[in-house]
Amino acid sequence: MVLTASRIVRAILISAMVLSLAACSFAESKDAAEQSANVLYHTVATGDMDAVMDLYSDRFYQETSREEWDRILHGVHDRLGDYQGHELVNWKIWTGVSTEVTGTPTTLVYNVQYSKYDATEQLVFLATNQPKLVGHHFNSKGLLLD
């Protein structure tokens, strides 16, 4: 095949369109995950732990039972204190094909202020219209003290 200027330009335009569509998809995934994270923290602030538990996916509960996660969240709350606020500090969207994950995993990292100790929390969502949590990781010295 002979590469002509028009074929090169066409290939560049197609590549640009594909990258542009992917970027839109990434932005939508991040925005949807951020909205879900805001719902999570708002719900934590109200103290309605049953509603908080509903924000986690069935996939999450395959790894950690609902009862076990309820105990963990109450333990975290007891050690860190009441929720005060959160700030997004990093995010990552994974792409690729996997036999284990269906969807686009979006990871958001927040600095979260609690009344006793601050924490860094990593929230992992799968991209859907209303993403649900598939992973939630806490890092705080308040979990190690006492």
C-alpha atoms as a PDB file:
ATOM      1  CA  MET A   1       0.000   0.000   0.000  1.00  0.00           C
ATOM      2  CA  VAL A   2       1.329   3.400  -0.974  1.00  0.00           C
ATOM      3  CA  LEU A   3       0.963   6.066   1.665  1.00  0.00           C
ATOM      4  CA  THR A   4      -0.273   9.220   0.058  1.00  0.00           C
ATOM      5  CA  ALA A   5      -0.681  12.557   1.785  1.00  0.00           C
ATOM      6  CA  SER A   6      -4.459  12.142   1.795  1.00  0.00           C
ATOM      7  CA  ARG A   7      -4.227   8.688   3.435  1.00  0.00           C
ATOM      8  CA  ILE A   8      -1.874  10.041   6.091  1.00  0.00           C
ATOM      9  CA  VAL A   9      -4.188  12.977   6.795  1.00  0.00           C
ATOM     10  CA  ARG A  10      -7.188  10.633   6.934  1.00  0.00           C
ATOM     11  CA  ALA A  11      -5.363   8.327   9.383  1.00  0.00           C
ATOM     12  CA  ILE A  12      -4.426  11.289  11.575  1.00  0.00           C
ATOM     13  CA  LEU A  13      -8.025  12.578  11.571  1.00  0.00           C
ATOM     14  CA  ILE A  14      -9.438   9.150  12.453  1.00  0.00           C
ATOM     15  CA  SER A  15      -6.885   8.768  15.250  1.00  0.00           C
ATOM     16  CA  ALA A  16      -7.759  12.216  16.591  1.00  0.00           C
ATOM     17  CA  MET A  17     -11.478  11.396  16.557  1.00  0.00           C
ATOM     18  CA  VAL A  18     -10.922   8.105  18.394  1.00  0.00           C
ATOM     19  CA  LEU A  19      -8.774   9.817  21.031  1.00  0.00           C
ATOM     20  CA  SER A  20     -11.331  12.600  21.375  1.00  0.00           C
ATOM     21  CA  LEU A  21     -14.166  10.123  21.941  1.00  0.00           C
ATOM     22  CA  ALA A  22     -12.066   8.232  24.487  1.00  0.00           C
ATOM     23  CA  ALA A  23     -11.302  11.487  26.312  1.00  0.00           C
ATOM     24  CA  CYS A  24     -15.027  12.297  26.497  1.00  0.00           C
ATOM     25  CA  SER A  25     -15.701   8.839  27.852  1.00  0.00           C
ATOM     26  CA  PHE A  26     -12.945   9.250  30.463  1.00  0.00           C
ATOM     27  CA  ALA A  27     -14.295  12.643  31.537  1.00  0.00           C
ATOM     28  CA  GLU A  28     -17.811  11.210  31.841  1.00  0.00           C
ATOM     29  CA  SER A  29     -16.515   8.253  33.883  1.00  0.00           C
ATOM     30  CA  LYS A  30     -14.615  10.559  36.229  1.00  0.00           C
ATOM     31  CA  ASP A  31     -17.571  12.936  36.622  1.00  0.00           C
ATOM     32  CA  ALA A  32     -19.992  10.087  37.339  1.00  0.00           C
ATOM     33  CA  ALA A  33     -17.579   8.571  39.883  1.00  0.00           C
ATOM     34  CA  GLU A  34     -17.118  11.970  41.565  1.00  0.00           C
ATOM     35  CA  GLN A  35     -20.879  12.412  41.828  1.00  0.00           C
ATOM     36  CA  SER A  36     -21.165   8.972  43.425  1.00  0.00           C
ATOM     37  CA  ALA A  37     -18.330   9.827  45.833  1.00  0.00           C
ATOM     38  CA  ASN A  38     -20.114  13.041  46.800  1.00  0.00           C
ATOM     39  CA  VAL A  39     -23.279  11.022  47.495  1.00  0.00           C
ATOM     40  CA  LEU A  40     -21.210   8.638  49.627  1.00  0.00           C
ATOM     41  CA  TYR A  41     -19.709  11.416  51.751  1.00  0.00           C
ATOM     42  CA  HIS A  42     -23.010  13.281  52.045  1.00  0.00           C
ATOM     43  CA  THR A  43     -24.653  10.060  53.227  1.00  0.00           C
ATOM     44  CA  VAL A  44     -21.799   9.389  55.680  1.00  0.00           C
ATOM     45  CA  ALA A  45     -22.332  12.926  57.044  1.00  0.00           C
ATOM     46  CA  THR A  46     -25.992  12.161  57.748  1.00  0.00           C
ATOM     47  CA  GLY A  47     -25.035   9.059  59.725  1.00  0.00           C
ATOM     48  CA  ASP A  48     -27.412   6.812  57.764  1.00  0.00           C
ATOM     49  CA  MET A  49     -25.156   3.761  57.618  1.00  0.00           C
ATOM     50  CA  ASP A  50     -27.818   1.575  55.957  1.00  0.00           C
ATOM     51  CA  ALA A  51     -27.926   4.033  53.044  1.00  0.00           C
ATOM     52  CA  VAL A  52     -24.112   4.089  52.950  1.00  0.00           C
ATOM     53  CA  MET A  53     -24.054   0.304  52.659  1.00  0.00           C
ATOM     54  CA  ASP A  54     -26.345   0.475  49.611  1.00  0.00           C
ATOM     55  CA  LEU A  55     -23.707   2.475  47.705  1.00  0.00           C
ATOM     56  CA  TYR A  56     -21.432  -0.563  47.412  1.00  0.00           C
ATOM     57  CA  SER A  57     -21.795  -2.999  44.509  1.00  0.00           C
ATOM     58  CA  ASP A  58     -22.711  -6.668  44.616  1.00  0.00           C
ATOM     59  CA  ARG A  59     -19.166  -7.337  43.416  1.00  0.00           C
ATOM     60  CA  PHE A  60     -17.830  -5.575  46.531  1.00  0.00           C
ATOM     61  CA  TYR A  61     -19.985  -7.743  48.778  1.00  0.00           C
ATOM     62  CA  GLN A  62     -18.660 -10.885  47.063  1.00  0.00           C
ATOM     63  CA  GLU A  63     -15.294 -10.114  48.671  1.00  0.00           C
ATOM     64  CA  THR A  64     -16.472  -8.658  51.992  1.00  0.00           C
ATOM     65  CA  SER A  65     -19.862  -9.515  53.428  1.00  0.00           C
ATOM     66  CA  ARG A  66     -22.293  -6.721  54.144  1.00  0.00           C
ATOM     67  CA  GLU A  67     -22.204  -7.549  57.871  1.00  0.00           C
ATOM     68  CA  GLU A  68     -18.399  -7.517  57.956  1.00  0.00           C
ATOM     69  CA  TRP A  69     -18.227  -4.212  56.050  1.00  0.00           C
ATOM     70  CA  ASP A  70     -20.806  -2.691  58.404  1.00  0.00           C
ATOM     71  CA  ARG A  71     -18.561  -3.623  61.365  1.00  0.00           C
ATOM     72  CA  ILE A  72     -15.512  -2.192  59.571  1.00  0.00           C
ATOM     73  CA  LEU A  73     -17.227   1.112  58.759  1.00  0.00           C
ATOM     74  CA  HIS A  74     -18.449   1.481  62.334  1.00  0.00           C
ATOM     75  CA  GLY A  75     -14.910   0.752  63.572  1.00  0.00           C
ATOM     76  CA  VAL A  76     -13.462   3.361  61.207  1.00  0.00           C
ATOM     77  CA  HIS A  77     -16.038   5.891  62.403  1.00  0.00           C
ATOM     78  CA  ASP A  78     -15.246   5.127  66.067  1.00  0.00           C
ATOM     79  CA  ARG A  79     -11.510   5.645  65.496  1.00  0.00           C
ATOM     80  CA  LEU A  80     -11.549   8.601  63.081  1.00  0.00           C
ATOM     81  CA  GLY A  81     -14.567  10.486  64.397  1.00  0.00           C
ATOM     82  CA  ASP A  82     -17.360  12.304  62.640  1.00  0.00           C
ATOM     83  CA  TYR A  83     -17.000  13.159  58.956  1.00  0.00           C
ATOM     84  CA  GLN A  84     -16.041  16.817  58.377  1.00  0.00           C
ATOM     85  CA  GLY A  85     -15.196  17.170  54.664  1.00  0.00           C
ATOM     86  CA  HIS A  86     -13.356  15.754  51.659  1.00  0.00           C
ATOM     87  CA  GLU A  87     -11.146  16.937  48.811  1.00  0.00           C
ATOM     88  CA  LEU A  88     -10.238  15.077  45.613  1.00  0.00           C
ATOM     89  CA  VAL A  89      -6.438  14.896  45.315  1.00  0.00           C
ATOM     90  CA  ASN A  90      -5.898  12.324  42.550  1.00  0.00           C
ATOM     91  CA  TRP A  91      -7.779  10.160  40.084  1.00  0.00           C
ATOM     92  CA  LYS A  92      -7.053   7.422  37.582  1.00  0.00           C
ATOM     93  CA  ILE A  93      -9.120   5.700  34.914  1.00  0.00           C
ATOM     94  CA  TRP A  94      -8.047   2.238  33.825  1.00  0.00           C
ATOM     95  CA  THR A  95      -8.503   1.012  30.311  1.00  0.00           C
ATOM     96  CA  GLY A  96      -8.014  -2.418  28.915  1.00  0.00           C
ATOM     97  CA  VAL A  97      -9.637  -5.772  28.581  1.00  0.00           C
ATOM     98  CA  SER A  98      -9.951  -8.213  31.453  1.00  0.00           C
ATOM     99  CA  THR A  99     -11.715 -11.451  32.212  1.00  0.00           C
ATOM    100  CA  GLU A 100     -12.345 -10.224  35.775  1.00  0.00           C
ATOM    101  CA  VAL A 101     -13.676  -6.685  35.303  1.00  0.00           C
ATOM    102  CA  THR A 102     -16.523  -5.542  33.106  1.00  0.00           C
ATOM    103  CA  GLY A 103     -16.537  -1.774  32.780  1.00  0.00           C
ATOM    104  CA  THR A 104     -14.006   0.993  33.183  1.00  0.00           C
ATOM    105  CA  PRO A 105     -12.565   1.148  36.707  1.00  0.00           C
ATOM    106  CA  THR A 106     -12.198   4.701  37.983  1.00  0.00           C
ATOM    107  CA  THR A 107     -10.109   5.328  41.082  1.00  0.00           C
ATOM    108  CA  LEU A 108     -10.552   8.540  43.072  1.00  0.00           C
ATOM    109  CA  VAL A 109      -8.253   9.483  45.952  1.00  0.00           C
ATOM    110  CA  TYR A 110      -9.562  11.860  48.599  1.00  0.00           C
ATOM    111  CA  ASN A 111      -8.130  13.582  51.628  1.00  0.00           C
ATOM    112  CA  VAL A 112     -10.949  13.237  54.139  1.00  0.00           C
ATOM    113  CA  GLN A 113     -11.256  15.216  57.329  1.00  0.00           C
ATOM    114  CA  TYR A 114     -12.774  13.537  60.379  1.00  0.00           C
ATOM    115  CA  SER A 115     -13.134  15.027  63.850  1.00  0.00           C
ATOM    116  CA  LYS A 116     -10.342  12.916  65.424  1.00  0.00           C
ATOM    117  CA  TYR A 117      -7.969  12.033  62.550  1.00  0.00           C
ATOM    118  CA  ASP A 118      -7.706  12.774  58.849  1.00  0.00           C
ATOM    119  CA  ALA A 119      -7.549   9.972  56.302  1.00  0.00           C
ATOM    120  CA  THR A 120      -6.652   9.310  52.695  1.00  0.00           C
ATOM    121  CA  GLU A 121      -9.356   7.238  51.050  1.00  0.00           C
ATOM    122  CA  GLN A 122      -9.158   5.471  47.730  1.00  0.00           C
ATOM    123  CA  LEU A 123     -12.544   4.812  46.121  1.00  0.00           C
ATOM    124  CA  VAL A 124     -12.809   2.466  43.131  1.00  0.00           C
ATOM    125  CA  PHE A 125     -15.908   2.607  40.928  1.00  0.00           C
ATOM    126  CA  LEU A 126     -16.924   0.789  37.777  1.00  0.00           C
ATOM    127  CA  ALA A 127     -18.183   3.163  35.094  1.00  0.00           C
ATOM    128  CA  THR A 128     -21.942   3.077  34.724  1.00  0.00           C
ATOM    129  CA  ASN A 129     -24.600   5.786  34.817  1.00  0.00           C
ATOM    130  CA  GLN A 130     -24.575   5.580  38.619  1.00  0.00           C
ATOM    131  CA  PRO A 131     -21.279   3.966  39.576  1.00  0.00           C
ATOM    132  CA  LYS A 132     -21.193   1.814  42.690  1.00  0.00           C
ATOM    133  CA  LEU A 133     -18.148   1.144  44.788  1.00  0.00           C
ATOM    134  CA  VAL A 134     -16.119  -1.976  44.082  1.00  0.00           C
ATOM    135  CA  GLY A 135     -13.262  -0.920  46.357  1.00  0.00           C
ATOM    136  CA  HIS A 136     -12.790   1.374  49.367  1.00  0.00           C
ATOM    137  CA  HIS A 137      -9.426   1.695  51.092  1.00  0.00           C
ATOM    138  CA  PHE A 138      -8.632   3.786  54.181  1.00  0.00           C
ATOM    139  CA  ASN A 139      -5.219   5.068  55.223  1.00  0.00           C
ATOM    140  CA  SER A 140      -4.956   6.957  58.501  1.00  0.00           C
ATOM    141  CA  LYS A 141      -2.703   6.915  61.527  1.00  0.00           C
ATOM    142  CA  GLY A 142      -5.921   7.016  63.563  1.00  0.00           C
ATOM    143  CA  LEU A 143      -6.569   3.427  62.523  1.00  0.00           C
ATOM    144  CA  LEU A 144      -3.241   2.325  63.962  1.00  0.00           C
ATOM    145  CA  LEU A 145      -3.233   4.178  67.276  1.00  0.00           C
ATOM    146  CA  ASP A 146      -4.823   3.183  70.598  1.00  0.00           C
END
